[in-house]
Structures are given as structure tokens and as C-alpha cells.
Amino acid sequence: MHEVPSHERCRIHGESNLHAVRDGIRVLKTILRERRRRPTQPVPELASRPAADRGVA
């Protein structure tokens, strides 16, 4: 294992725009809203389709 030095530049406006709790809650709300919006539909299995649809003679 080897340490690699890092150099960060100064922030342009001097402060971070990250607000961990507020931003995290906003992301969680978006995920939950999208999950409720699109109910998942089961994908039909190949074996359940007629042979003619699968190209089998």
C-alpha cells in the first residue's frame, strides 16, 4: 500500500454547497416517488409462450 498526495484547490465561493441531511432526504423522496410511480410487471418467460412465437417448429 502506498500513499498518494492529493492537492485540493480552494473553493470559488469559500463554502460547501452540500447539506447532507436535506439533500439525502430529497434523494430518498425521489427514489420512493419513482418506485410508486411505475409498478413492475412480471416479464413473461420464454417457456410460457407458444412454440410458433419462439421460432420452434
PDB file of N, CA and C in Angstrom:
ATOM      1  N   MET A   1       0.851  -1.160   0.000  1.00  0.00           N
ATOM      2  CA  MET A   1       0.000   0.000   0.000  1.00  0.00           C
ATOM      3  C   MET A   1       0.903   1.230   0.000  1.00  0.00           C
ATOM      4  N   HIS A   2       0.489   2.233  -0.750  1.00  0.00           N
ATOM      5  CA  HIS A   2       1.318   3.422  -0.880  1.00  0.00           C
ATOM      6  C   HIS A   2       0.425   4.666  -0.829  1.00  0.00           C
ATOM      7  N   GLU A   3       0.849   5.668  -0.085  1.00  0.00           N
ATOM      8  CA  GLU A   3       0.072   6.909  -0.007  1.00  0.00           C
ATOM      9  C   GLU A   3       0.379   7.796  -1.201  1.00  0.00           C
ATOM     10  N   VAL A   4      -0.678   8.394  -1.726  1.00  0.00           N
ATOM     11  CA  VAL A   4      -0.530   9.311  -2.847  1.00  0.00           C
ATOM     12  C   VAL A   4      -0.996  10.681  -2.374  1.00  0.00           C
ATOM     13  N   PRO A   5      -0.156  11.695  -2.483  1.00  0.00           N
ATOM     14  CA  PRO A   5      -0.568  13.024  -2.031  1.00  0.00           C
ATOM     15  C   PRO A   5      -1.665  13.590  -2.932  1.00  0.00           C
ATOM     16  N   SER A   6      -2.572  14.329  -2.330  1.00  0.00           N
ATOM     17  CA  SER A   6      -3.628  14.980  -3.113  1.00  0.00           C
ATOM     18  C   SER A   6      -3.593  16.475  -2.827  1.00  0.00           C
ATOM     19  N   HIS A   7      -3.969  17.226  -3.816  1.00  0.00           N
ATOM     20  CA  HIS A   7      -3.959  18.681  -3.684  1.00  0.00           C
ATOM     21  C   HIS A   7      -5.323  19.204  -4.109  1.00  0.00           C
ATOM     22  N   GLU A   8      -6.033  19.818  -3.183  1.00  0.00           N
ATOM     23  CA  GLU A   8      -7.350  20.374  -3.484  1.00  0.00           C
ATOM     24  C   GLU A   8      -7.220  21.873  -3.693  1.00  0.00           C
ATOM     25  N   ARG A   9      -7.956  22.361  -4.644  1.00  0.00           N
ATOM     26  CA  ARG A   9      -7.987  23.798  -4.870  1.00  0.00           C
ATOM     27  C   ARG A   9      -8.953  24.443  -3.882  1.00  0.00           C
ATOM     28  N   CYS A  10      -8.778  25.728  -3.667  1.00  0.00           N
ATOM     29  CA  CYS A  10      -9.689  26.460  -2.800  1.00  0.00           C
ATOM     30  C   CYS A  10     -11.047  26.566  -3.483  1.00  0.00           C
ATOM     31  N   ARG A  11     -12.094  26.586  -2.683  1.00  0.00           N
ATOM     32  CA  ARG A  11     -13.436  26.728  -3.243  1.00  0.00           C
ATOM     33  C   ARG A  11     -13.605  28.137  -3.798  1.00  0.00           C
ATOM     34  N   ILE A  12     -14.322  28.212  -4.895  1.00  0.00           N
ATOM     35  CA  ILE A  12     -14.522  29.508  -5.546  1.00  0.00           C
ATOM     36  C   ILE A  12     -15.280  30.458  -4.621  1.00  0.00           C
ATOM     37  N   HIS A  13     -16.349  29.959  -3.990  1.00  0.00           N
ATOM     38  CA  HIS A  13     -17.166  30.812  -3.129  1.00  0.00           C
ATOM     39  C   HIS A  13     -16.886  30.578  -1.649  1.00  0.00           C
ATOM     40  N   GLY A  14     -15.920  29.733  -1.326  1.00  0.00           N
ATOM     41  CA  GLY A  14     -15.496  29.555   0.046  1.00  0.00           C
ATOM     42  C   GLY A  14     -16.282  28.576   0.891  1.00  0.00           C
ATOM     43  N   GLU A  15     -17.453  28.119   0.453  1.00  0.00           N
ATOM     44  CA  GLU A  15     -18.263  27.210   1.263  1.00  0.00           C
ATOM     45  C   GLU A  15     -18.705  26.009   0.447  1.00  0.00           C
ATOM     46  N   SER A  16     -19.014  24.953   1.164  1.00  0.00           N
ATOM     47  CA  SER A  16     -19.573  23.773   0.512  1.00  0.00           C
ATOM     48  C   SER A  16     -21.062  23.987   0.285  1.00  0.00           C
ATOM     49  N   ASN A  17     -21.567  23.490  -0.812  1.00  0.00           N
ATOM     50  CA  ASN A  17     -22.996  23.561  -1.081  1.00  0.00           C
ATOM     51  C   ASN A  17     -23.701  22.277  -0.670  1.00  0.00           C
ATOM     52  N   LEU A  18     -22.977  21.363  -0.038  1.00  0.00           N
ATOM     53  CA  LEU A  18     -23.544  20.088   0.378  1.00  0.00           C
ATOM     54  C   LEU A  18     -24.233  20.240   1.727  1.00  0.00           C
ATOM     55  N   HIS A  19     -25.488  19.836   1.787  1.00  0.00           N
ATOM     56  CA  HIS A  19     -26.240  19.772   3.038  1.00  0.00           C
ATOM     57  C   HIS A  19     -26.707  18.329   3.141  1.00  0.00           C
ATOM     58  N   ALA A  20     -25.917  17.506   3.817  1.00  0.00           N
ATOM     59  CA  ALA A  20     -26.086  16.056   3.770  1.00  0.00           C
ATOM     60  C   ALA A  20     -27.495  15.590   4.110  1.00  0.00           C
ATOM     61  N   VAL A  21     -28.064  16.050   5.201  1.00  0.00           N
ATOM     62  CA  VAL A  21     -29.385  15.565   5.618  1.00  0.00           C
ATOM     63  C   VAL A  21     -30.461  16.042   4.648  1.00  0.00           C
ATOM     64  N   ARG A  22     -30.480  17.315   4.362  1.00  0.00           N
ATOM     65  CA  ARG A  22     -31.503  17.856   3.456  1.00  0.00           C
ATOM     66  C   ARG A  22     -31.413  17.221   2.067  1.00  0.00           C
ATOM     67  N   ASP A  23     -30.203  17.118   1.529  1.00  0.00           N
ATOM     68  CA  ASP A  23     -30.031  16.536   0.198  1.00  0.00           C
ATOM     69  C   ASP A  23     -30.347  15.046   0.201  1.00  0.00           C
ATOM     70  N   GLY A  24     -29.986  14.348   1.268  1.00  0.00           N
ATOM     71  CA  GLY A  24     -30.277  12.921   1.369  1.00  0.00           C
ATOM     72  C   GLY A  24     -31.767  12.644   1.421  1.00  0.00           C
ATOM     73  N   ILE A  25     -32.498  13.458   2.169  1.00  0.00           N
ATOM     74  CA  ILE A  25     -33.958  13.298   2.253  1.00  0.00           C
ATOM     75  C   ILE A  25     -34.580  13.560   0.886  1.00  0.00           C
ATOM     76  N   ARG A  26     -34.074  14.548   0.188  1.00  0.00           N
ATOM     77  CA  ARG A  26     -34.608  14.857  -1.145  1.00  0.00           C
ATOM     78  C   ARG A  26     -34.385  13.696  -2.115  1.00  0.00           C
ATOM     79  N   VAL A  27     -33.209  13.091  -2.067  1.00  0.00           N
ATOM     80  CA  VAL A  27     -32.912  11.940  -2.925  1.00  0.00           C
ATOM     81  C   VAL A  27     -33.804  10.766  -2.557  1.00  0.00           C
ATOM     82  N   LEU A  28     -33.972  10.507  -1.263  1.00  0.00           N
ATOM     83  CA  LEU A  28     -34.820   9.400  -0.814  1.00  0.00           C
ATOM     84  C   LEU A  28     -36.263   9.600  -1.261  1.00  0.00           C
ATOM     85  N   LYS A  29     -36.779  10.819  -1.147  1.00  0.00           N
ATOM     86  CA  LYS A  29     -38.148  11.102  -1.603  1.00  0.00           C
ATOM     87  C   LYS A  29     -38.296  10.833  -3.097  1.00  0.00           C
ATOM     88  N   THR A  30     -37.297  11.220  -3.868  1.00  0.00           N
ATOM     89  CA  THR A  30     -37.342  10.994  -5.311  1.00  0.00           C
ATOM     90  C   THR A  30     -37.343   9.508  -5.630  1.00  0.00           C
ATOM     91  N   ILE A  31     -36.516   8.736  -4.951  1.00  0.00           N
ATOM     92  CA  ILE A  31     -36.465   7.286  -5.169  1.00  0.00           C
ATOM     93  C   ILE A  31     -37.807   6.658  -4.835  1.00  0.00           C
ATOM     94  N   LEU A  32     -38.392   7.025  -3.702  1.00  0.00           N
ATOM     95  CA  LEU A  32     -39.676   6.449  -3.300  1.00  0.00           C
ATOM     96  C   LEU A  32     -40.792   6.856  -4.256  1.00  0.00           C
ATOM     97  N   ARG A  33     -40.787   8.101  -4.718  1.00  0.00           N
ATOM     98  CA  ARG A  33     -41.803   8.560  -5.661  1.00  0.00           C
ATOM     99  C   ARG A  33     -41.708   7.785  -6.972  1.00  0.00           C
ATOM    100  N   GLU A  34     -40.505   7.568  -7.475  1.00  0.00           N
ATOM    101  CA  GLU A  34     -40.323   6.814  -8.718  1.00  0.00           C
ATOM    102  C   GLU A  34     -40.727   5.354  -8.539  1.00  0.00           C
ATOM    103  N   ARG A  35     -40.467   4.806  -7.384  1.00  0.00           N
ATOM    104  CA  ARG A  35     -40.813   3.409  -7.133  1.00  0.00           C
ATOM    105  C   ARG A  35     -42.332   3.219  -7.126  1.00  0.00           C
ATOM    106  N   ARG A  36     -43.066   4.176  -6.554  1.00  0.00           N
ATOM    107  CA  ARG A  36     -44.532   4.095  -6.527  1.00  0.00           C
ATOM    108  C   ARG A  36     -45.128   4.376  -7.899  1.00  0.00           C
ATOM    109  N   ARG A  37     -44.460   5.188  -8.682  1.00  0.00           N
ATOM    110  CA  ARG A  37     -44.994   5.629  -9.965  1.00  0.00           C
ATOM    111  C   ARG A  37     -45.067   4.509 -10.996  1.00  0.00           C
ATOM    112  N   ARG A  38     -44.074   3.641 -11.036  1.00  0.00           N
ATOM    113  CA  ARG A  38     -44.011   2.588 -12.044  1.00  0.00           C
ATOM    114  C   ARG A  38     -44.118   1.218 -11.404  1.00  0.00           C
ATOM    115  N   PRO A  39     -45.316   0.623 -11.374  1.00  0.00           N
ATOM    116  CA  PRO A  39     -45.394  -0.734 -10.839  1.00  0.00           C
ATOM    117  C   PRO A  39     -44.687  -1.692 -11.795  1.00  0.00           C
ATOM    118  N   THR A  40     -43.927  -2.592 -11.226  1.00  0.00           N
ATOM    119  CA  THR A  40     -43.197  -3.535 -12.064  1.00  0.00           C
ATOM    120  C   THR A  40     -44.134  -4.613 -12.566  1.00  0.00           C
ATOM    121  N   GLN A  41     -43.972  -4.976 -13.809  1.00  0.00           N
ATOM    122  CA  GLN A  41     -44.772  -6.033 -14.399  1.00  0.00           C
ATOM    123  C   GLN A  41     -43.865  -7.236 -14.616  1.00  0.00           C
ATOM    124  N   PRO A  42     -44.355  -8.425 -14.298  1.00  0.00           N
ATOM    125  CA  PRO A  42     -43.509  -9.604 -14.489  1.00  0.00           C
ATOM    126  C   PRO A  42     -43.201  -9.815 -15.973  1.00  0.00           C
ATOM    127  N   VAL A  43     -41.981 -10.203 -16.245  1.00  0.00           N
ATOM    128  CA  VAL A  43     -41.554 -10.470 -17.614  1.00  0.00           C
ATOM    129  C   VAL A  43     -41.959 -11.893 -17.959  1.00  0.00           C
ATOM    130  N   PRO A  44     -42.680 -12.090 -19.066  1.00  0.00           N
ATOM    131  CA  PRO A  44     -43.090 -13.451 -19.412  1.00  0.00           C
ATOM    132  C   PRO A  44     -41.877 -14.318 -19.732  1.00  0.00           C
ATOM    133  N   GLU A  45     -41.920 -15.547 -19.317  1.00  0.00           N
ATOM    134  CA  GLU A  45     -40.825 -16.481 -19.556  1.00  0.00           C
ATOM    135  C   GLU A  45     -40.933 -17.036 -20.963  1.00  0.00           C
ATOM    136  N   LEU A  46     -39.814 -17.389 -21.550  1.00  0.00           N
ATOM    137  CA  LEU A  46     -39.818 -17.937 -22.900  1.00  0.00           C
ATOM    138  C   LEU A  46     -40.606 -19.236 -22.975  1.00  0.00           C
ATOM    139  N   ALA A  47     -40.542 -20.046 -21.944  1.00  0.00           N
ATOM    140  CA  ALA A  47     -41.215 -21.346 -21.961  1.00  0.00           C
ATOM    141  C   ALA A  47     -42.736 -21.200 -21.942  1.00  0.00           C
ATOM    142  N   SER A  48     -43.251 -20.066 -21.504  1.00  0.00           N
ATOM    143  CA  SER A  48     -44.696 -19.907 -21.408  1.00  0.00           C
ATOM    144  C   SER A  48     -45.320 -19.449 -22.724  1.00  0.00           C
ATOM    145  N   ARG A  49     -44.506 -19.036 -23.703  1.00  0.00           N
ATOM    146  CA  ARG A  49     -45.039 -18.598 -24.991  1.00  0.00           C
ATOM    147  C   ARG A  49     -45.211 -19.795 -25.918  1.00  0.00           C
ATOM    148  N   PRO A  50     -46.153 -19.724 -26.852  1.00  0.00           N
ATOM    149  CA  PRO A  50     -46.322 -20.818 -27.816  1.00  0.00           C
ATOM    150  C   PRO A  50     -45.058 -21.032 -28.646  1.00  0.00           C
ATOM    151  N   ALA A  51     -44.842 -22.258 -29.107  1.00  0.00           N
ATOM    152  CA  ALA A  51     -43.639 -22.609 -29.862  1.00  0.00           C
ATOM    153  C   ALA A  51     -43.511 -21.782 -31.133  1.00  0.00           C
ATOM    154  N   ALA A  52     -44.626 -21.421 -31.769  1.00  0.00           N
ATOM    155  CA  ALA A  52     -44.577 -20.643 -33.007  1.00  0.00           C
ATOM    156  C   ALA A  52     -43.955 -19.271 -32.769  1.00  0.00           C
ATOM    157  N   ASP A  53     -44.166 -18.693 -31.583  1.00  0.00           N
ATOM    158  CA  ASP A  53     -43.592 -17.384 -31.265  1.00  0.00           C
ATOM    159  C   ASP A  53     -42.089 -17.458 -31.062  1.00  0.00           C
ATOM    160  N   ARG A  54     -41.605 -18.628 -30.674  1.00  0.00           N
ATOM    161  CA  ARG A  54     -40.182 -18.790 -30.404  1.00  0.00           C
ATOM    162  C   ARG A  54     -39.407 -19.240 -31.633  1.00  0.00           C
ATOM    163  N   GLY A  55     -40.096 -19.475 -32.740  1.00  0.00           N
ATOM    164  CA  GLY A  55     -39.414 -19.917 -33.948  1.00  0.00           C
ATOM    165  C   GLY A  55     -39.129 -21.405 -33.946  1.00  0.00           C
ATOM    166  N   VAL A  56     -39.797 -22.147 -33.080  1.00  0.00           N
ATOM    167  CA  VAL A  56     -39.592 -23.591 -32.985  1.00  0.00           C
ATOM    168  C   VAL A  56     -40.662 -24.269 -33.827  1.00  0.00           C
ATOM    169  N   ALA A  57     -40.257 -25.245 -34.636  1.00  0.00           N
ATOM    170  CA  ALA A  57     -41.230 -25.951 -35.492  1.00  0.00           C
ATOM    171  C   ALA A  57     -41.879 -27.101 -34.775  1.00  0.00           C
TER     172      ALA A  57
END
